[in-house]
C-alpha atoms as a PDB file:
ATOM      1  CA  UNK A   1      29.691-112.412-134.997  1.00  0.00           C
ATOM      2  CA  UNK A   2      28.955-114.701-137.923  1.00  0.00           C
ATOM      3  CA  UNK A   3      32.639-115.297-138.700  1.00  0.00           C
ATOM      4  CA  UNK A   4      35.611-116.877-136.931  1.00  0.00           C
ATOM      5  CA  UNK A   5      37.952-114.127-135.718  1.00  0.00           C
ATOM      6  CA  UNK A   6      40.284-116.485-133.839  1.00  0.00           C
ATOM      7  CA  UNK A   7      43.633-117.582-135.301  1.00  0.00           C
ATOM      8  CA  UNK A   8      43.535-114.961-138.090  1.00  0.00           C
ATOM      9  CA  UNK A   9      46.503-112.681-138.649  1.00  0.00           C
ATOM     10  CA  UNK A  10      46.447-109.460-140.651  1.00  0.00           C
ATOM     11  CA  UNK A  11      49.643-108.304-142.361  1.00  0.00           C
ATOM     12  CA  UNK A  12      49.450-104.692-143.449  1.00  0.00           C
ATOM     13  CA  UNK A  13      50.849-104.215-146.942  1.00  0.00           C
ATOM     14  CA  UNK A  14      50.655-100.576-147.989  1.00  0.00           C
ATOM     15  CA  UNK A  15      52.006-100.261-151.505  1.00  0.00           C
ATOM     16  CA  UNK A  16      50.484 -99.274-154.849  1.00  0.00           C
ATOM     17  CA  UNK A  17      51.890-102.560-156.160  1.00  0.00           C
ATOM     18  CA  UNK A  18      49.811-104.587-153.671  1.00  0.00           C
ATOM     19  CA  UNK A  19      48.571-107.303-156.040  1.00  0.00           C
ATOM     20  CA  UNK A  20      52.025-108.211-157.342  1.00  0.00           C
ATOM     21  CA  UNK A  21      53.374-108.559-153.799  1.00  0.00           C
ATOM     22  CA  UNK A  22      50.285-110.430-152.648  1.00  0.00           C
ATOM     23  CA  UNK A  23      50.309-112.983-155.464  1.00  0.00           C
ATOM     24  CA  UNK A  24      53.946-113.851-154.718  1.00  0.00           C
ATOM     25  CA  UNK A  25      53.373-113.866-150.987  1.00  0.00           C
ATOM     26  CA  UNK A  26      50.275-116.063-151.122  1.00  0.00           C
ATOM     27  CA  UNK A  27      52.221-118.846-152.838  1.00  0.00           C
ATOM     28  CA  UNK A  28      54.960-118.650-150.211  1.00  0.00           C
ATOM     29  CA  UNK A  29      52.650-118.473-147.188  1.00  0.00           C
ATOM     30  CA  UNK A  30      50.599-121.438-148.415  1.00  0.00           C
ATOM     31  CA  UNK A  31      53.721-123.601-148.163  1.00  0.00           C
ATOM     32  CA  UNK A  32      54.116-122.709-144.482  1.00  0.00           C
ATOM     33  CA  UNK A  33      53.052-125.665-142.268  1.00  0.00           C
ATOM     34  CA  UNK A  34      51.514-123.215-139.761  1.00  0.00           C
ATOM     35  CA  UNK A  35      49.118-121.787-142.350  1.00  0.00           C
ATOM     36  CA  UNK A  36      45.620-123.034-143.153  1.00  0.00           C
ATOM     37  CA  UNK A  37      44.564-120.470-145.766  1.00  0.00           C
ATOM     38  CA  UNK A  38      45.596-117.090-147.177  1.00  0.00           C
ATOM     39  CA  UNK A  39      43.566-114.253-148.642  1.00  0.00           C
ATOM     40  CA  UNK A  40      43.495-110.471-148.941  1.00  0.00           C
ATOM     41  CA  UNK A  41      40.892-107.817-148.321  1.00  0.00           C
ATOM     42  CA  UNK A  42      39.254-105.728-145.656  1.00  0.00           C
ATOM     43  CA  UNK A  43      39.486-106.571-141.974  1.00  0.00           C
ATOM     44  CA  UNK A  44      35.962-106.955-140.602  1.00  0.00           C
ATOM     45  CA  UNK A  45      36.253-104.106-138.123  1.00  0.00           C
ATOM     46  CA  UNK A  46      34.182-101.217-139.381  1.00  0.00           C
ATOM     47  CA  UNK A  47      32.442 -99.374-142.198  1.00  0.00           C
ATOM     48  CA  UNK A  48      34.047 -99.317-145.633  1.00  0.00           C
ATOM     49  CA  UNK A  49      31.498 -97.011-147.223  1.00  0.00           C
ATOM     50  CA  UNK A  50      28.397 -97.595-149.288  1.00  0.00           C
ATOM     51  CA  UNK A  51      27.385 -97.383-152.927  1.00  0.00           C
ATOM     52  CA  UNK A  52      24.168 -97.146-154.937  1.00  0.00           C
ATOM     53  CA  UNK A  53      23.079-100.510-156.321  1.00  0.00           C
ATOM     54  CA  UNK A  54      21.745-100.797-159.870  1.00  0.00           C
ATOM     55  CA  UNK A  55      19.887-103.789-161.304  1.00  0.00           C
ATOM     56  CA  UNK A  56      17.236-104.577-163.874  1.00  0.00           C
ATOM     57  CA  UNK A  57      13.919-103.052-162.886  1.00  0.00           C
ATOM     58  CA  UNK A  58      15.415-100.652-160.334  1.00  0.00           C
ATOM     59  CA  UNK A  59      14.210 -97.062-160.088  1.00  0.00           C
ATOM     60  CA  UNK A  60      17.228 -95.246-161.538  1.00  0.00           C
ATOM     61  CA  UNK A  61      16.234 -92.040-159.776  1.00  0.00           C
ATOM     62  CA  UNK A  62      16.083 -93.712-156.364  1.00  0.00           C
ATOM     63  CA  UNK A  63      18.589 -96.562-156.259  1.00  0.00           C
ATOM     64  CA  UNK A  64      19.020 -98.440-152.965  1.00  0.00           C
ATOM     65  CA  UNK A  65      22.418 -98.301-151.275  1.00  0.00           C
ATOM     66  CA  UNK A  66      24.495-101.065-149.729  1.00  0.00           C
ATOM     67  CA  UNK A  67      27.644-101.208-147.665  1.00  0.00           C
ATOM     68  CA  UNK A  68      30.660-102.610-149.495  1.00  0.00           C
ATOM     69  CA  UNK A  69      33.581-104.831-148.517  1.00  0.00           C
ATOM     70  CA  UNK A  70      36.657-105.908-150.490  1.00  0.00           C
ATOM     71  CA  UNK A  71      37.482-109.605-150.571  1.00  0.00           C
ATOM     72  CA  UNK A  72      39.926-111.639-152.674  1.00  0.00           C
ATOM     73  CA  UNK A  73      40.016-115.366-153.451  1.00  0.00           C
ATOM     74  CA  UNK A  74      39.589-117.620-150.365  1.00  0.00           C
ATOM     75  CA  UNK A  75      38.461-114.668-148.215  1.00  0.00           C
ATOM     76  CA  UNK A  76      35.368-116.406-146.872  1.00  0.00           C
ATOM     77  CA  UNK A  77      37.305-119.582-146.106  1.00  0.00           C
ATOM     78  CA  UNK A  78      40.008-117.600-144.317  1.00  0.00           C
ATOM     79  CA  UNK A  79      37.556-115.518-142.294  1.00  0.00           C
ATOM     80  CA  UNK A  80      35.265-118.433-141.495  1.00  0.00           C
ATOM     81  CA  UNK A  81      32.210-116.951-143.224  1.00  0.00           C
ATOM     82  CA  UNK A  82      29.657-119.509-144.402  1.00  0.00           C
ATOM     83  CA  UNK A  83      27.868-119.329-147.736  1.00  0.00           C
ATOM     84  CA  UNK A  84      24.087-119.491-147.882  1.00  0.00           C
ATOM     85  CA  UNK A  85      24.049-120.330-151.598  1.00  0.00           C
ATOM     86  CA  UNK A  86      26.338-120.161-154.586  1.00  0.00           C
ATOM     87  CA  UNK A  87      30.091-119.963-154.009  1.00  0.00           C
ATOM     88  CA  UNK A  88      32.829-117.662-152.825  1.00  0.00           C
ATOM     89  CA  UNK A  89      35.393-115.970-155.064  1.00  0.00           C
ATOM     90  CA  UNK A  90      37.826-118.515-156.452  1.00  0.00           C
ATOM     91  CA  UNK A  91      40.925-118.675-158.631  1.00  0.00           C
ATOM     92  CA  UNK A  92      39.069-121.411-160.556  1.00  0.00           C
ATOM     93  CA  UNK A  93      36.881-118.585-161.897  1.00  0.00           C
ATOM     94  CA  UNK A  94      39.303-115.850-163.070  1.00  0.00           C
ATOM     95  CA  UNK A  95      36.424-113.571-164.102  1.00  0.00           C
ATOM     96  CA  UNK A  96      35.541-113.196-160.421  1.00  0.00           C
ATOM     97  CA  UNK A  97      38.164-110.442-160.195  1.00  0.00           C
ATOM     98  CA  UNK A  98      36.293-108.340-162.757  1.00  0.00           C
ATOM     99  CA  UNK A  99      32.620-109.329-162.561  1.00  0.00           C
ATOM    100  CA  UNK A 100      32.051-111.468-159.441  1.00  0.00           C
ATOM    101  CA  UNK A 101      29.775-110.086-156.717  1.00  0.00           C
ATOM    102  CA  UNK A 102      28.632-111.677-153.447  1.00  0.00           C
ATOM    103  CA  UNK A 103      25.725-110.357-151.391  1.00  0.00           C
ATOM    104  CA  UNK A 104      24.771-111.094-147.811  1.00  0.00           C
ATOM    105  CA  UNK A 105      21.376-112.358-146.691  1.00  0.00           C
ATOM    106  CA  UNK A 106      20.323-108.888-145.554  1.00  0.00           C
ATOM    107  CA  UNK A 107      20.892-107.627-149.101  1.00  0.00           C
ATOM    108  CA  UNK A 108      18.737-110.436-150.439  1.00  0.00           C
ATOM    109  CA  UNK A 109      15.905-109.441-148.128  1.00  0.00           C
ATOM    110  CA  UNK A 110      16.175-105.822-149.220  1.00  0.00           C
ATOM    111  CA  UNK A 111      16.133-106.719-152.917  1.00  0.00           C
ATOM    112  CA  UNK A 112      13.467-109.398-152.527  1.00  0.00           C
ATOM    113  CA  UNK A 113      15.282-111.782-154.861  1.00  0.00           C
ATOM    114  CA  UNK A 114      14.477-115.494-154.645  1.00  0.00           C
ATOM    115  CA  UNK A 115      17.033-116.615-157.245  1.00  0.00           C
ATOM    116  CA  UNK A 116      20.029-114.254-157.121  1.00  0.00           C
ATOM    117  CA  UNK A 117      22.781-116.385-158.680  1.00  0.00           C
ATOM    118  CA  UNK A 118      23.698-115.075-162.118  1.00  0.00           C
ATOM    119  CA  UNK A 119      21.702-111.857-161.833  1.00  0.00           C
ATOM    120  CA  UNK A 120      23.317-108.679-163.147  1.00  0.00           C
ATOM    121  CA  UNK A 121      24.091-106.015-160.582  1.00  0.00           C
ATOM    122  CA  UNK A 122      26.063-102.773-160.532  1.00  0.00           C
ATOM    123  CA  UNK A 123      27.859-101.380-157.480  1.00  0.00           C
ATOM    124  CA  UNK A 124      28.096 -97.654-158.120  1.00  0.00           C
ATOM    125  CA  UNK A 125      31.034 -96.928-160.418  1.00  0.00           C
ATOM    126  CA  UNK A 126      33.135 -99.657-158.806  1.00  0.00           C
ATOM    127  CA  UNK A 127      31.847-102.939-160.225  1.00  0.00           C
ATOM    128  CA  UNK A 128      29.446-104.116-162.911  1.00  0.00           C
ATOM    129  CA  UNK A 129      28.931-107.877-162.786  1.00  0.00           C
ATOM    130  CA  UNK A 130      26.914-110.879-161.705  1.00  0.00           C
ATOM    131  CA  UNK A 131      26.029-112.415-158.366  1.00  0.00           C
ATOM    132  CA  UNK A 132      28.027-115.619-157.799  1.00  0.00           C
ATOM    133  CA  UNK A 133      27.067-116.271-154.185  1.00  0.00           C
ATOM    134  CA  UNK A 134      25.162-115.249-151.079  1.00  0.00           C
ATOM    135  CA  UNK A 135      26.997-115.201-147.738  1.00  0.00           C
ATOM    136  CA  UNK A 136      25.272-115.842-144.454  1.00  0.00           C
ATOM    137  CA  UNK A 137      24.858-112.658-142.459  1.00  0.00           C
ATOM    138  CA  UNK A 138      27.812-111.636-140.307  1.00  0.00           C
ATOM    139  CA  UNK A 139      28.532-108.546-138.230  1.00  0.00           C
ATOM    140  CA  UNK A 140      30.810-106.394-140.364  1.00  0.00           C
ATOM    141  CA  UNK A 141      29.818-103.295-138.356  1.00  0.00           C
ATOM    142  CA  UNK A 142      29.264-102.763-134.644  1.00  0.00           C
ATOM    143  CA  UNK A 143      27.345-105.411-132.722  1.00  0.00           C
ATOM    144  CA  UNK A 144      25.174-102.534-131.520  1.00  0.00           C
ATOM    145  CA  UNK A 145      23.758-102.180-135.042  1.00  0.00           C
ATOM    146  CA  UNK A 146      21.567-104.581-137.018  1.00  0.00           C
ATOM    147  CA  UNK A 147      23.260-106.412-139.884  1.00  0.00           C
ATOM    148  CA  UNK A 148      22.853-104.228-142.958  1.00  0.00           C
ATOM    149  CA  UNK A 149      22.805-105.088-146.687  1.00  0.00           C
ATOM    150  CA  UNK A 150      26.335-105.756-147.928  1.00  0.00           C
ATOM    151  CA  UNK A 151      27.889-106.209-151.375  1.00  0.00           C
ATOM    152  CA  UNK A 152      31.339-107.796-151.663  1.00  0.00           C
ATOM    153  CA  UNK A 153      33.706-107.846-154.625  1.00  0.00           C
ATOM    154  CA  UNK A 154      37.397-108.195-155.512  1.00  0.00           C
ATOM    155  CA  UNK A 155      38.925-104.689-155.534  1.00  0.00           C
ATOM    156  CA  UNK A 156      41.127-103.962-158.511  1.00  0.00           C
ATOM    157  CA  UNK A 157      43.722-102.002-156.540  1.00  0.00           C
ATOM    158  CA  UNK A 158      42.512-100.785-153.127  1.00  0.00           C
ATOM    159  CA  UNK A 159      43.560-103.427-150.606  1.00  0.00           C
ATOM    160  CA  UNK A 160      45.760-103.077-147.547  1.00  0.00           C
ATOM    161  CA  UNK A 161      45.885-106.444-145.795  1.00  0.00           C
ATOM    162  CA  UNK A 162      46.997-110.010-146.349  1.00  0.00           C
ATOM    163  CA  UNK A 163      44.859-112.225-144.114  1.00  0.00           C
ATOM    164  CA  UNK A 164      46.192-115.564-142.881  1.00  0.00           C
ATOM    165  CA  UNK A 165      44.389-118.249-140.883  1.00  0.00           C
ATOM    166  CA  UNK A 166      46.965-120.146-138.846  1.00  0.00           C
ATOM    167  CA  UNK A 167      46.920-123.374-136.894  1.00  0.00           C
ATOM    168  CA  UNK A 168      46.960-123.320-133.075  1.00  0.00           C
ATOM    169  CA  UNK A 169      50.421-123.736-131.634  1.00  0.00           C
ATOM    170  CA  UNK A 170      53.461-121.869-130.389  1.00  0.00           C
ATOM    171  CA  UNK A 171      52.847-118.218-131.236  1.00  0.00           C
ATOM    172  CA  UNK A 172      56.469-117.083-131.164  1.00  0.00           C
ATOM    173  CA  UNK A 173      57.726-119.693-133.641  1.00  0.00           C
ATOM    174  CA  UNK A 174      54.684-119.172-135.855  1.00  0.00           C
ATOM    175  CA  UNK A 175      55.262-115.411-136.059  1.00  0.00           C
ATOM    176  CA  UNK A 176      58.956-115.976-136.763  1.00  0.00           C
ATOM    177  CA  UNK A 177      58.099-118.317-139.641  1.00  0.00           C
ATOM    178  CA  UNK A 178      55.653-115.802-141.120  1.00  0.00           C
ATOM    179  CA  UNK A 179      58.223-113.031-140.907  1.00  0.00           C
ATOM    180  CA  UNK A 180      60.756-115.257-142.660  1.00  0.00           C
ATOM    181  CA  UNK A 181      58.213-115.885-145.432  1.00  0.00           C
ATOM    182  CA  UNK A 182      57.510-112.153-145.630  1.00  0.00           C
ATOM    183  CA  UNK A 183      61.190-111.366-146.098  1.00  0.00           C
ATOM    184  CA  UNK A 184      61.263-113.768-149.032  1.00  0.00           C
ATOM    185  CA  UNK A 185      58.979-111.534-151.101  1.00  0.00           C
ATOM    186  CA  UNK A 186      58.709-108.125-149.381  1.00  0.00           C
ATOM    187  CA  UNK A 187      62.022-107.535-147.659  1.00  0.00           C
ATOM    188  CA  UNK A 188      61.833-103.833-148.601  1.00  0.00           C
ATOM    189  CA  UNK A 189      58.517-103.379-146.747  1.00  0.00           C
ATOM    190  CA  UNK A 190      57.935-103.432-142.948  1.00  0.00           C
ATOM    191  CA  UNK A 191      56.472-106.565-141.350  1.00  0.00           C
ATOM    192  CA  UNK A 192      53.364-105.055-139.707  1.00  0.00           C
ATOM    193  CA  UNK A 193      51.365-107.844-138.062  1.00  0.00           C
ATOM    194  CA  UNK A 194      48.256-107.883-135.877  1.00  0.00           C
ATOM    195  CA  UNK A 195      45.718-110.424-134.656  1.00  0.00           C
ATOM    196  CA  UNK A 196      42.255-109.785-136.051  1.00  0.00           C
ATOM    197  CA  UNK A 197      40.509-110.793-132.816  1.00  0.00           C
ATOM    198  CA  UNK A 198      42.520-108.194-130.870  1.00  0.00           C
ATOM    199  CA  UNK A 199      41.641-105.450-133.361  1.00  0.00           C
ATOM    200  CA  UNK A 200      37.960-106.306-133.076  1.00  0.00           C
ATOM    201  CA  UNK A 201      38.183-106.511-129.287  1.00  0.00           C
ATOM    202  CA  UNK A 202      39.443-102.932-129.140  1.00  0.00           C
ATOM    203  CA  UNK A 203      36.153-101.724-130.595  1.00  0.00           C
ATOM    204  CA  UNK A 204      34.278-102.926-127.513  1.00  0.00           C
ATOM    205  CA  UNK A 205      36.605-101.726-124.750  1.00  0.00           C
ATOM    206  CA  UNK A 206      34.080 -99.098-123.637  1.00  0.00           C
ATOM    207  CA  UNK A 207      31.406-101.814-123.360  1.00  0.00           C
ATOM    208  CA  UNK A 208      33.723-103.939-121.236  1.00  0.00           C
ATOM    209  CA  UNK A 209      34.533-101.001-119.009  1.00  0.00           C
ATOM    210  CA  UNK A 210      30.849-100.252-118.519  1.00  0.00           C
ATOM    211  CA  UNK A 211      30.171-103.933-117.738  1.00  0.00           C
ATOM    212  CA  UNK A 212      32.939-103.992-115.132  1.00  0.00           C
END
């Protein structure tokens, strides 16, 4: 798939005040001995839309389009996505939340850029910034489809999931510890947990049935 879907938990956090909850929760979860890394963003289980892509020299009347995906600091580390060049979004670079953009290798092929880092790029009306990294291609859509050009950025408000990579071990005690951490910062919100690998697996149930 191009990423590591095992041992990743998604906690659904549906509130207009997502970032405030997430920033408090990230600090708490990172102290949990069961946790390897914490991030926020889209679960890699489908299509999150596409946007026209503007850049210097582009035909403004016929801009190419790319799929988009929201990803916060440490997203690529948490999801096990490798970088081809440059870096992932990081708290060491606060401007990443406003201007940082990461492309995948398929996007690079479409644009024909040899040196993308630092180049200006505009993602529709959503983000106007610079390329800070290129991620190795991964299947963010169905495995039946070829990997398509993808642009990733830190959403300003629209996020729904805290993503946590956990260590192998006793699942029951691990879940209990995460729920205890959750109650320390979001006791007024439901603890809605799922395993990312199980969510992805559901997309291919018809394939498995056909195979059987």
